[in-house]
Amino acid sequence: MNRFWSVVAKGFAMGVADLVPGVSGGTVAYISGIYDTLIDSLSALSGKGLASLRKGHFLEAWQAVNGPFLLALILGIAAAIATLASPLHYLLEFHPVLLRSFFVGLVATSVPLVGRHAQPWAFDAWVWAALGCAIAGFITSLPPLVQSDHPLMLMAAGSLAICAMLLPGISGSFLLLILGAYAPVLLAVKNFDFNKIASFGIGALLGVVMFSRVLKWLLKTHRRPTLAMLTGFLVGSLQALWPWKSQVRPLYTHSDGRVEWLLENIMPQGSILHLTSALALSVSGGVVVWGLHRWGTSRSPNTGS
């Protein structure tokens, strides 16, 4: 039971990260020591788990996908989304600098923690890291599209976003923002719109079934280059989380009258108190990551705790 609630807590942390554009739940999974277990469990959904299910061996299928682990993780993520979707949406709207400051510290501290597993850092590793940095930087610099809440759009967005959420450094929620589905998904959760939630969920399930097997193969056969690229993803994603931004031009207007702006990074500005608060929150984000990392490495990853 201790392991179960430990995974629930880590799932909650993943859910919090996935709610914020620019932060990946995959980052939290990696630094908390459950990443390989997560990928193995998800890839089994379309492998051993599905094969056992077709034979009617339900208990065998449950064991094949590491059912208790996935259940605990899903409970934690769902709890975070249900309880924090509205508060985080409020903070993004009215206190974006302070919120991004916390998460920029979280992601920046994650860089060496992920990068240490890509050693030795020879020339090829640096090339893969540079490529990952360029890809993440390009993706996170794209402007958001006009939002749509059509079920097929939400299904496609869910499929792509879940793939991003599994990758440290690529934010699923930021990808939703680019696709114009971030606000509709949050609104569906807040309003308990089960039709839209189901559309998004089906897309996410399809995406995770397909992508997890690819990711498992990469980690098994090309682990060091893959981890080097994931480290680059983290570095490239930092530009999206830079706390201080200016509004360049309006992109479109939401149904409630809010205007979506194209943003660009600017130099830090504000009062001494505001700058100090931003720095303190950035340091706090780093401390949280280090604590998660110590918590994850204090237990064997194979236990799924």
C-alpha atoms as a PDB file:
ATOM      1  CA  MET A   1       0.000   0.000   0.000  1.00  0.00           C
ATOM      2  CA  ASN A   2       2.925   2.344   0.678  1.00  0.00           C
ATOM      3  CA  ARG A   3       4.146   1.753  -2.884  1.00  0.00           C
ATOM      4  CA  PHE A   4       0.640   2.309  -4.220  1.00  0.00           C
ATOM      5  CA  TRP A   5       0.245   5.710  -2.550  1.00  0.00           C
ATOM      6  CA  SER A   6       3.785   6.630  -3.526  1.00  0.00           C
ATOM      7  CA  VAL A   7       2.883   6.150  -7.192  1.00  0.00           C
ATOM      8  CA  VAL A   8      -0.382   8.068  -6.657  1.00  0.00           C
ATOM      9  CA  ALA A   9       1.658  11.007  -5.331  1.00  0.00           C
ATOM     10  CA  LYS A  10       4.027  10.867  -8.302  1.00  0.00           C
ATOM     11  CA  GLY A  11       1.050  10.667 -10.645  1.00  0.00           C
ATOM     12  CA  PHE A  12      -0.361  13.774  -8.960  1.00  0.00           C
ATOM     13  CA  ALA A  13       2.929  15.582  -9.610  1.00  0.00           C
ATOM     14  CA  MET A  14       2.806  14.448 -13.249  1.00  0.00           C
ATOM     15  CA  GLY A  15      -0.753  15.749 -13.554  1.00  0.00           C
ATOM     16  CA  VAL A  16       0.240  19.147 -12.173  1.00  0.00           C
ATOM     17  CA  ALA A  17       3.109  19.366 -14.681  1.00  0.00           C
ATOM     18  CA  ASP A  18       0.906  18.344 -17.607  1.00  0.00           C
ATOM     19  CA  LEU A  19      -1.564  21.118 -16.811  1.00  0.00           C
ATOM     20  CA  VAL A  20       1.040  23.846 -17.355  1.00  0.00           C
ATOM     21  CA  PRO A  21       2.074  24.700 -20.936  1.00  0.00           C
ATOM     22  CA  GLY A  22       5.847  24.239 -21.189  1.00  0.00           C
ATOM     23  CA  VAL A  23       6.215  21.462 -18.595  1.00  0.00           C
ATOM     24  CA  SER A  24       6.074  17.740 -19.366  1.00  0.00           C
ATOM     25  CA  GLY A  25       4.703  15.053 -17.100  1.00  0.00           C
ATOM     26  CA  GLY A  26       7.355  12.801 -18.640  1.00  0.00           C
ATOM     27  CA  THR A  27       9.998  14.972 -16.956  1.00  0.00           C
ATOM     28  CA  VAL A  28       8.445  14.325 -13.547  1.00  0.00           C
ATOM     29  CA  ALA A  29       8.150  10.604 -14.299  1.00  0.00           C
ATOM     30  CA  TYR A  30      11.838  10.419 -15.209  1.00  0.00           C
ATOM     31  CA  ILE A  31      13.245  12.341 -12.262  1.00  0.00           C
ATOM     32  CA  SER A  32      10.980  10.488  -9.804  1.00  0.00           C
ATOM     33  CA  GLY A  33      12.311   7.110 -10.968  1.00  0.00           C
ATOM     34  CA  ILE A  34       9.201   5.607 -12.603  1.00  0.00           C
ATOM     35  CA  TYR A  35       9.826   6.401 -16.285  1.00  0.00           C
ATOM     36  CA  ASP A  36      10.981   2.964 -17.458  1.00  0.00           C
ATOM     37  CA  THR A  37       8.222   1.264 -15.477  1.00  0.00           C
ATOM     38  CA  LEU A  38       5.673   3.610 -17.046  1.00  0.00           C
ATOM     39  CA  ILE A  39       6.863   2.966 -20.621  1.00  0.00           C
ATOM     40  CA  ASP A  40       6.979  -0.807 -20.045  1.00  0.00           C
ATOM     41  CA  SER A  41       3.437  -0.816 -18.638  1.00  0.00           C
ATOM     42  CA  LEU A  42       1.998   1.326 -21.424  1.00  0.00           C
ATOM     43  CA  SER A  43       3.696  -0.645 -24.194  1.00  0.00           C
ATOM     44  CA  ALA A  44       2.243  -3.854 -22.707  1.00  0.00           C
ATOM     45  CA  LEU A  45      -1.270  -2.495 -23.318  1.00  0.00           C
ATOM     46  CA  SER A  46      -0.942  -3.386 -26.983  1.00  0.00           C
ATOM     47  CA  GLY A  47       1.369  -6.357 -26.418  1.00  0.00           C
ATOM     48  CA  LYS A  48       1.119  -8.972 -23.711  1.00  0.00           C
ATOM     49  CA  GLY A  49      -1.845  -7.286 -22.081  1.00  0.00           C
ATOM     50  CA  LEU A  50      -3.948  -7.264 -25.239  1.00  0.00           C
ATOM     51  CA  ALA A  51      -2.942 -10.836 -26.116  1.00  0.00           C
ATOM     52  CA  SER A  52      -4.023 -12.084 -22.676  1.00  0.00           C
ATOM     53  CA  LEU A  53      -7.254 -10.091 -22.862  1.00  0.00           C
ATOM     54  CA  ARG A  54      -8.172 -11.673 -26.185  1.00  0.00           C
ATOM     55  CA  LYS A  55      -7.804 -15.099 -24.580  1.00  0.00           C
ATOM     56  CA  GLY A  56     -10.088 -14.075 -21.736  1.00  0.00           C
ATOM     57  CA  HIS A  57      -7.262 -14.202 -19.178  1.00  0.00           C
ATOM     58  CA  PHE A  58      -8.160 -11.004 -17.348  1.00  0.00           C
ATOM     59  CA  LEU A  59      -5.909 -11.504 -14.329  1.00  0.00           C
ATOM     60  CA  GLU A  60      -2.968 -12.320 -16.590  1.00  0.00           C
ATOM     61  CA  ALA A  61      -3.664  -9.179 -18.631  1.00  0.00           C
ATOM     62  CA  TRP A  62      -3.840  -7.091 -15.433  1.00  0.00           C
ATOM     63  CA  GLN A  63      -0.470  -8.426 -14.337  1.00  0.00           C
ATOM     64  CA  ALA A  64       1.061  -7.995 -17.804  1.00  0.00           C
ATOM     65  CA  VAL A  65       0.362  -4.250 -17.859  1.00  0.00           C
ATOM     66  CA  ASN A  66       1.377  -3.826 -14.194  1.00  0.00           C
ATOM     67  CA  GLY A  67      -2.222  -2.936 -13.337  1.00  0.00           C
ATOM     68  CA  PRO A  68      -1.715  -1.681  -9.770  1.00  0.00           C
ATOM     69  CA  PHE A  69       1.010   0.706 -10.958  1.00  0.00           C
ATOM     70  CA  LEU A  70      -1.090   2.126 -13.810  1.00  0.00           C
ATOM     71  CA  LEU A  71      -4.165   2.401 -11.601  1.00  0.00           C
ATOM     72  CA  ALA A  72      -2.250   4.342  -8.953  1.00  0.00           C
ATOM     73  CA  LEU A  73      -0.701   6.625 -11.580  1.00  0.00           C
ATOM     74  CA  ILE A  74      -4.045   7.326 -13.269  1.00  0.00           C
ATOM     75  CA  LEU A  75      -5.664   8.110  -9.909  1.00  0.00           C
ATOM     76  CA  GLY A  76      -2.911  10.610  -9.115  1.00  0.00           C
ATOM     77  CA  ILE A  77      -3.073  12.320 -12.513  1.00  0.00           C
ATOM     78  CA  ALA A  78      -6.888  12.455 -12.435  1.00  0.00           C
ATOM     79  CA  ALA A  79      -6.836  13.937  -8.922  1.00  0.00           C
ATOM     80  CA  ALA A  80      -4.440  16.673 -10.034  1.00  0.00           C
ATOM     81  CA  ILE A  81      -6.534  17.547 -13.082  1.00  0.00           C
ATOM     82  CA  ALA A  82      -9.814  17.543 -11.135  1.00  0.00           C
ATOM     83  CA  THR A  83      -8.528  19.675  -8.257  1.00  0.00           C
ATOM     84  CA  LEU A  84      -5.978  21.990  -9.883  1.00  0.00           C
ATOM     85  CA  ALA A  85      -7.250  22.685 -13.422  1.00  0.00           C
ATOM     86  CA  SER A  86      -9.121  25.803 -12.297  1.00  0.00           C
ATOM     87  CA  PRO A  87      -6.455  27.213  -9.904  1.00  0.00           C
ATOM     88  CA  LEU A  88      -3.647  26.738 -12.435  1.00  0.00           C
ATOM     89  CA  HIS A  89      -5.786  28.282 -15.173  1.00  0.00           C
ATOM     90  CA  TYR A  90      -6.281  31.284 -12.850  1.00  0.00           C
ATOM     91  CA  LEU A  91      -2.555  31.566 -12.110  1.00  0.00           C
ATOM     92  CA  LEU A  92      -1.688  31.372 -15.813  1.00  0.00           C
ATOM     93  CA  GLU A  93      -4.173  34.155 -16.473  1.00  0.00           C
ATOM     94  CA  PHE A  94      -3.338  36.548 -13.631  1.00  0.00           C
ATOM     95  CA  HIS A  95       0.124  35.565 -12.293  1.00  0.00           C
ATOM     96  CA  PRO A  96       1.951  34.066 -15.283  1.00  0.00           C
ATOM     97  CA  VAL A  97       5.408  35.385 -14.355  1.00  0.00           C
ATOM     98  CA  LEU A  98       5.439  33.796 -10.920  1.00  0.00           C
ATOM     99  CA  LEU A  99       4.009  30.493 -12.157  1.00  0.00           C
ATOM    100  CA  ARG A 100       6.473  30.245 -15.045  1.00  0.00           C
ATOM    101  CA  SER A 101       9.326  31.154 -12.684  1.00  0.00           C
ATOM    102  CA  PHE A 102       8.551  28.112 -10.557  1.00  0.00           C
ATOM    103  CA  PHE A 103       8.433  25.791 -13.534  1.00  0.00           C
ATOM    104  CA  VAL A 104      11.527  27.214 -15.214  1.00  0.00           C
ATOM    105  CA  GLY A 105      13.430  26.238 -12.066  1.00  0.00           C
ATOM    106  CA  LEU A 106      11.831  22.801 -12.202  1.00  0.00           C
ATOM    107  CA  VAL A 107      12.803  22.164 -15.823  1.00  0.00           C
ATOM    108  CA  ALA A 108      16.289  23.718 -15.563  1.00  0.00           C
ATOM    109  CA  THR A 109      17.154  21.492 -12.599  1.00  0.00           C
ATOM    110  CA  SER A 110      15.859  18.481 -14.533  1.00  0.00           C
ATOM    111  CA  VAL A 111      18.422  19.001 -17.325  1.00  0.00           C
ATOM    112  CA  PRO A 112      21.481  17.609 -15.481  1.00  0.00           C
ATOM    113  CA  LEU A 113      19.397  14.920 -13.768  1.00  0.00           C
ATOM    114  CA  VAL A 114      18.305  13.503 -17.128  1.00  0.00           C
ATOM    115  CA  GLY A 115      21.589  14.271 -18.874  1.00  0.00           C
ATOM    116  CA  ARG A 116      23.673  12.284 -16.414  1.00  0.00           C
ATOM    117  CA  HIS A 117      22.063   9.094 -17.748  1.00  0.00           C
ATOM    118  CA  ALA A 118      23.273   9.838 -21.290  1.00  0.00           C
ATOM    119  CA  GLN A 119      26.949   9.544 -20.339  1.00  0.00           C
ATOM    120  CA  PRO A 120      29.523   9.367 -21.782  1.00  0.00           C
ATOM    121  CA  TRP A 121      28.900  12.699 -23.496  1.00  0.00           C
ATOM    122  CA  ALA A 122      30.843  12.022 -26.693  1.00  0.00           C
ATOM    123  CA  PHE A 123      30.371  13.931 -29.957  1.00  0.00           C
ATOM    124  CA  ASP A 124      27.344  11.886 -31.034  1.00  0.00           C
ATOM    125  CA  ALA A 125      25.527  12.587 -27.757  1.00  0.00           C
ATOM    126  CA  TRP A 126      26.044  16.325 -28.196  1.00  0.00           C
ATOM    127  CA  VAL A 127      24.683  16.099 -31.744  1.00  0.00           C
ATOM    128  CA  TRP A 128      21.529  14.324 -30.561  1.00  0.00           C
ATOM    129  CA  ALA A 129      21.131  16.829 -27.708  1.00  0.00           C
ATOM    130  CA  ALA A 130      21.483  19.761 -30.138  1.00  0.00           C
ATOM    131  CA  LEU A 131      18.889  18.193 -32.425  1.00  0.00           C
ATOM    132  CA  GLY A 132      16.489  17.700 -29.500  1.00  0.00           C
ATOM    133  CA  CYS A 133      17.057  21.298 -28.396  1.00  0.00           C
ATOM    134  CA  ALA A 134      16.333  22.603 -31.902  1.00  0.00           C
ATOM    135  CA  ILE A 135      13.151  20.515 -32.240  1.00  0.00           C
ATOM    136  CA  ALA A 136      11.796  21.596 -28.845  1.00  0.00           C
ATOM    137  CA  GLY A 137      12.742  25.219 -29.482  1.00  0.00           C
ATOM    138  CA  PHE A 138      10.932  25.180 -32.831  1.00  0.00           C
ATOM    139  CA  ILE A 139       7.792  23.501 -31.459  1.00  0.00           C
ATOM    140  CA  THR A 140       7.532  25.853 -28.487  1.00  0.00           C
ATOM    141  CA  SER A 141       7.996  28.930 -30.681  1.00  0.00           C
ATOM    142  CA  LEU A 142       4.956  28.138 -32.845  1.00  0.00           C
ATOM    143  CA  PRO A 143       1.955  30.442 -32.328  1.00  0.00           C
ATOM    144  CA  PRO A 144      -1.291  28.907 -31.053  1.00  0.00           C
ATOM    145  CA  LEU A 145      -3.962  28.142 -33.633  1.00  0.00           C
ATOM    146  CA  VAL A 146      -7.608  29.172 -33.464  1.00  0.00           C
ATOM    147  CA  GLN A 147      -9.223  26.994 -30.839  1.00  0.00           C
ATOM    148  CA  SER A 148     -11.685  24.267 -31.727  1.00  0.00           C
ATOM    149  CA  ASP A 149     -13.779  21.966 -29.556  1.00  0.00           C
ATOM    150  CA  HIS A 150     -14.935  19.638 -32.332  1.00  0.00           C
ATOM    151  CA  PRO A 151     -14.764  16.010 -31.057  1.00  0.00           C
ATOM    152  CA  LEU A 152     -12.524  14.884 -33.937  1.00  0.00           C
ATOM    153  CA  MET A 153     -10.170  17.795 -33.283  1.00  0.00           C
ATOM    154  CA  LEU A 154     -10.060  16.943 -29.568  1.00  0.00           C
ATOM    155  CA  MET A 155      -9.388  13.279 -30.418  1.00  0.00           C
ATOM    156  CA  ALA A 156      -6.482  14.188 -32.712  1.00  0.00           C
ATOM    157  CA  ALA A 157      -5.142  16.671 -30.151  1.00  0.00           C
ATOM    158  CA  GLY A 158      -5.333  14.045 -27.404  1.00  0.00           C
ATOM    159  CA  SER A 159      -3.400  11.560 -29.502  1.00  0.00           C
ATOM    160  CA  LEU A 160      -0.589  14.021 -30.218  1.00  0.00           C
ATOM    161  CA  ALA A 161      -0.521  15.536 -26.736  1.00  0.00           C
ATOM    162  CA  ILE A 162      -0.166  12.194 -24.948  1.00  0.00           C
ATOM    163  CA  CYS A 163       2.865  11.396 -27.107  1.00  0.00           C
ATOM    164  CA  ALA A 164       4.413  14.694 -26.033  1.00  0.00           C
ATOM    165  CA  MET A 165       3.509  14.092 -22.387  1.00  0.00           C
ATOM    166  CA  LEU A 166       5.540  10.875 -22.437  1.00  0.00           C
ATOM    167  CA  LEU A 167       8.658  12.748 -23.551  1.00  0.00           C
ATOM    168  CA  PRO A 168      10.662  14.692 -20.960  1.00  0.00           C
ATOM    169  CA  GLY A 169      10.965  18.235 -22.262  1.00  0.00           C
ATOM    170  CA  ILE A 170       8.046  18.205 -24.707  1.00  0.00           C
ATOM    171  CA  SER A 171       4.968  19.619 -23.038  1.00  0.00           C
ATOM    172  CA  GLY A 172       1.675  17.991 -23.950  1.00  0.00           C
ATOM    173  CA  SER A 173      -0.286  20.988 -22.695  1.00  0.00           C
ATOM    174  CA  PHE A 174       1.879  23.358 -24.766  1.00  0.00           C
ATOM    175  CA  LEU A 175       1.174  21.222 -27.817  1.00  0.00           C
ATOM    176  CA  LEU A 176      -2.544  21.490 -26.977  1.00  0.00           C
ATOM    177  CA  LEU A 177      -2.094  25.267 -26.824  1.00  0.00           C
ATOM    178  CA  ILE A 178      -0.445  25.295 -30.261  1.00  0.00           C
ATOM    179  CA  LEU A 179      -3.237  23.120 -31.662  1.00  0.00           C
ATOM    180  CA  GLY A 180      -5.874  25.418 -30.177  1.00  0.00           C
ATOM    181  CA  ALA A 181      -7.264  22.679 -27.929  1.00  0.00           C
ATOM    182  CA  TYR A 182      -5.861  23.733 -24.532  1.00  0.00           C
ATOM    183  CA  ALA A 183      -8.698  26.050 -23.496  1.00  0.00           C
ATOM    184  CA  PRO A 184     -11.464  23.726 -24.773  1.00  0.00           C
ATOM    185  CA  VAL A 185     -10.002  20.760 -22.866  1.00  0.00           C
ATOM    186  CA  LEU A 186      -9.679  22.749 -19.627  1.00  0.00           C
ATOM    187  CA  LEU A 187     -13.200  24.079 -20.070  1.00  0.00           C
ATOM    188  CA  ALA A 188     -14.533  20.562 -20.673  1.00  0.00           C
ATOM    189  CA  VAL A 189     -12.889  19.371 -17.438  1.00  0.00           C
ATOM    190  CA  LYS A 190     -14.225  22.345 -15.475  1.00  0.00           C
ATOM    191  CA  ASN A 191     -17.762  21.845 -16.845  1.00  0.00           C
ATOM    192  CA  PHE A 192     -17.684  18.024 -16.645  1.00  0.00           C
ATOM    193  CA  ASP A 193     -18.453  17.831 -20.379  1.00  0.00           C
ATOM    194  CA  PHE A 194     -18.093  14.050 -20.656  1.00  0.00           C
ATOM    195  CA  ASN A 195     -18.576  13.920 -24.443  1.00  0.00           C
ATOM    196  CA  LYS A 196     -15.573  16.165 -25.074  1.00  0.00           C
ATOM    197  CA  ILE A 197     -13.562  14.526 -22.300  1.00  0.00           C
ATOM    198  CA  ALA A 198     -14.310  11.113 -23.854  1.00  0.00           C
ATOM    199  CA  SER A 199     -13.201  12.321 -27.314  1.00  0.00           C
ATOM    200  CA  PHE A 200      -9.941  13.581 -25.897  1.00  0.00           C
ATOM    201  CA  GLY A 201      -9.492  10.409 -23.833  1.00  0.00           C
ATOM    202  CA  ILE A 202     -10.007   8.077 -26.800  1.00  0.00           C
ATOM    203  CA  GLY A 203      -7.406   9.995 -28.784  1.00  0.00           C
ATOM    204  CA  ALA A 204      -4.992   9.882 -25.860  1.00  0.00           C
ATOM    205  CA  LEU A 205      -5.475   6.118 -25.492  1.00  0.00           C
ATOM    206  CA  LEU A 206      -4.786   5.533 -29.186  1.00  0.00           C
ATOM    207  CA  GLY A 207      -1.696   7.739 -29.020  1.00  0.00           C
ATOM    208  CA  VAL A 208      -0.251   6.081 -25.954  1.00  0.00           C
ATOM    209  CA  VAL A 209      -0.773   2.570 -27.332  1.00  0.00           C
ATOM    210  CA  MET A 210       1.091   3.394 -30.531  1.00  0.00           C
ATOM    211  CA  PHE A 211       3.843   5.659 -29.232  1.00  0.00           C
ATOM    212  CA  SER A 212       4.790   3.825 -26.030  1.00  0.00           C
ATOM    213  CA  ARG A 213       6.012   0.784 -27.979  1.00  0.00           C
ATOM    214  CA  VAL A 214       8.199   2.989 -30.187  1.00  0.00           C
ATOM    215  CA  LEU A 215       9.616   4.743 -27.140  1.00  0.00           C
ATOM    216  CA  LYS A 216      10.281   1.450 -25.361  1.00  0.00           C
ATOM    217  CA  TRP A 217      12.180   0.176 -28.402  1.00  0.00           C
ATOM    218  CA  LEU A 218      14.271   3.360 -28.550  1.00  0.00           C
ATOM    219  CA  LEU A 219      15.156   3.179 -24.865  1.00  0.00           C
ATOM    220  CA  LYS A 220      16.060  -0.501 -25.191  1.00  0.00           C
ATOM    221  CA  THR A 221      18.152  -0.342 -28.367  1.00  0.00           C
ATOM    222  CA  HIS A 222      19.370   3.289 -28.503  1.00  0.00           C
ATOM    223  CA  ARG A 223      19.163   4.410 -24.887  1.00  0.00           C
ATOM    224  CA  ARG A 224      22.085   6.848 -24.739  1.00  0.00           C
ATOM    225  CA  PRO A 225      21.218   8.803 -27.925  1.00  0.00           C
ATOM    226  CA  THR A 226      17.558   8.850 -26.883  1.00  0.00           C
ATOM    227  CA  LEU A 227      18.373  10.251 -23.445  1.00  0.00           C
ATOM    228  CA  ALA A 228      20.734  12.794 -25.011  1.00  0.00           C
ATOM    229  CA  MET A 229      17.913  13.980 -27.274  1.00  0.00           C
ATOM    230  CA  LEU A 230      15.494  14.111 -24.335  1.00  0.00           C
ATOM    231  CA  THR A 231      18.035  16.278 -22.489  1.00  0.00           C
ATOM    232  CA  GLY A 232      18.050  18.581 -25.496  1.00  0.00           C
ATOM    233  CA  PHE A 233      14.250  18.652 -25.419  1.00  0.00           C
ATOM    234  CA  LEU A 234      14.425  19.971 -21.859  1.00  0.00           C
ATOM    235  CA  VAL A 235      16.889  22.723 -22.771  1.00  0.00           C
ATOM    236  CA  GLY A 236      14.886  23.760 -25.829  1.00  0.00           C
ATOM    237  CA  SER A 237      11.637  23.917 -23.876  1.00  0.00           C
ATOM    238  CA  LEU A 238      13.037  26.505 -21.443  1.00  0.00           C
ATOM    239  CA  GLN A 239      12.394  29.357 -23.866  1.00  0.00           C
ATOM    240  CA  ALA A 240       8.651  28.680 -23.659  1.00  0.00           C
ATOM    241  CA  LEU A 241       8.777  28.940 -19.867  1.00  0.00           C
ATOM    242  CA  TRP A 242      10.801  32.181 -19.707  1.00  0.00           C
ATOM    243  CA  PRO A 243       8.741  34.192 -17.185  1.00  0.00           C
ATOM    244  CA  TRP A 244       8.828  37.632 -18.809  1.00  0.00           C
ATOM    245  CA  LYS A 245       6.996  38.045 -22.095  1.00  0.00           C
ATOM    246  CA  SER A 246       5.437  40.861 -24.075  1.00  0.00           C
ATOM    247  CA  GLN A 247       2.337  40.815 -26.252  1.00  0.00           C
ATOM    248  CA  VAL A 248       3.317  41.235 -29.910  1.00  0.00           C
ATOM    249  CA  ARG A 249      -0.036  41.040 -31.671  1.00  0.00           C
ATOM    250  CA  PRO A 250      -3.498  39.539 -31.063  1.00  0.00           C
ATOM    251  CA  LEU A 251      -4.104  36.150 -32.683  1.00  0.00           C
ATOM    252  CA  TYR A 252      -7.785  35.544 -31.979  1.00  0.00           C
ATOM    253  CA  THR A 253     -10.520  36.222 -29.428  1.00  0.00           C
ATOM    254  CA  HIS A 254     -12.048  33.506 -27.244  1.00  0.00           C
ATOM    255  CA  SER A 255     -15.819  33.098 -26.931  1.00  0.00           C
ATOM    256  CA  ASP A 256     -15.690  34.720 -23.471  1.00  0.00           C
ATOM    257  CA  GLY A 257     -13.949  37.822 -24.827  1.00  0.00           C
ATOM    258  CA  ARG A 258     -10.371  36.939 -23.811  1.00  0.00           C
ATOM    259  CA  VAL A 259      -7.722  37.716 -26.428  1.00  0.00           C
ATOM    260  CA  GLU A 260      -5.021  35.186 -27.332  1.00  0.00           C
ATOM    261  CA  TRP A 261      -1.741  37.006 -28.022  1.00  0.00           C
ATOM    262  CA  LEU A 262       1.471  36.127 -29.818  1.00  0.00           C
ATOM    263  CA  LEU A 263       4.152  36.454 -27.128  1.00  0.00           C
ATOM    264  CA  GLU A 264       7.896  37.078 -27.224  1.00  0.00           C
ATOM    265  CA  ASN A 265      10.506  36.836 -24.479  1.00  0.00           C
ATOM    266  CA  ILE A 266      11.809  40.063 -22.957  1.00  0.00           C
ATOM    267  CA  MET A 267      14.301  41.044 -20.252  1.00  0.00           C
ATOM    268  CA  PRO A 268      13.193  40.738 -16.588  1.00  0.00           C
ATOM    269  CA  GLN A 269      11.175  43.691 -15.378  1.00  0.00           C
ATOM    270  CA  GLY A 270       9.120  44.716 -12.359  1.00  0.00           C
ATOM    271  CA  SER A 271       9.697  45.784  -8.780  1.00  0.00           C
ATOM    272  CA  ILE A 272      12.483  44.382  -6.623  1.00  0.00           C
ATOM    273  CA  LEU A 273       9.878  42.455  -4.637  1.00  0.00           C
ATOM    274  CA  HIS A 274       8.423  40.934  -7.796  1.00  0.00           C
ATOM    275  CA  LEU A 275      11.849  39.959  -9.147  1.00  0.00           C
ATOM    276  CA  THR A 276      12.850  38.496  -5.792  1.00  0.00           C
ATOM    277  CA  SER A 277       9.622  36.498  -5.639  1.00  0.00           C
ATOM    278  CA  ALA A 278      10.238  35.147  -9.143  1.00  0.00           C
ATOM    279  CA  LEU A 279      13.776  34.114  -8.218  1.00  0.00           C
ATOM    280  CA  ALA A 280      12.581  32.480  -4.995  1.00  0.00           C
ATOM    281  CA  LEU A 281       9.927  30.503  -6.847  1.00  0.00           C
ATOM    282  CA  SER A 282      12.473  29.405  -9.456  1.00  0.00           C
ATOM    283  CA  VAL A 283      14.729  28.104  -6.695  1.00  0.00           C
ATOM    284  CA  SER A 284      11.708  26.411  -5.112  1.00  0.00           C
ATOM    285  CA  GLY A 285      10.994  24.629  -8.397  1.00  0.00           C
ATOM    286  CA  GLY A 286      14.552  23.333  -8.403  1.00  0.00           C
ATOM    287  CA  VAL A 287      14.234  22.128  -4.822  1.00  0.00           C
ATOM    288  CA  VAL A 288      11.001  20.288  -5.657  1.00  0.00           C
ATOM    289  CA  VAL A 289      12.703  18.522  -8.569  1.00  0.00           C
ATOM    290  CA  TRP A 290      15.692  17.555  -6.461  1.00  0.00           C
ATOM    291  CA  GLY A 291      13.351  16.226  -3.780  1.00  0.00           C
ATOM    292  CA  LEU A 292      11.431  14.163  -6.344  1.00  0.00           C
ATOM    293  CA  HIS A 293      14.702  12.854  -7.731  1.00  0.00           C
ATOM    294  CA  ARG A 294      15.996  11.850  -4.293  1.00  0.00           C
ATOM    295  CA  TRP A 295      12.653  10.253  -3.497  1.00  0.00           C
ATOM    296  CA  GLY A 296      12.692   8.288  -6.747  1.00  0.00           C
ATOM    297  CA  THR A 297      16.310   7.124  -6.505  1.00  0.00           C
ATOM    298  CA  SER A 298      15.927   6.097  -2.869  1.00  0.00           C
ATOM    299  CA  ARG A 299      13.762   3.197  -4.113  1.00  0.00           C
ATOM    300  CA  SER A 300      14.368   0.643  -6.789  1.00  0.00           C
ATOM    301  CA  PRO A 301      12.710   1.740 -10.080  1.00  0.00           C
ATOM    302  CA  ASN A 302      11.744  -1.876 -10.715  1.00  0.00           C
ATOM    303  CA  THR A 303       9.317  -1.768  -7.816  1.00  0.00           C
ATOM    304  CA  GLY A 304       7.301   0.936  -9.531  1.00  0.00           C
ATOM    305  CA  SER A 305       7.367   2.995  -6.317  1.00  0.00           C
END
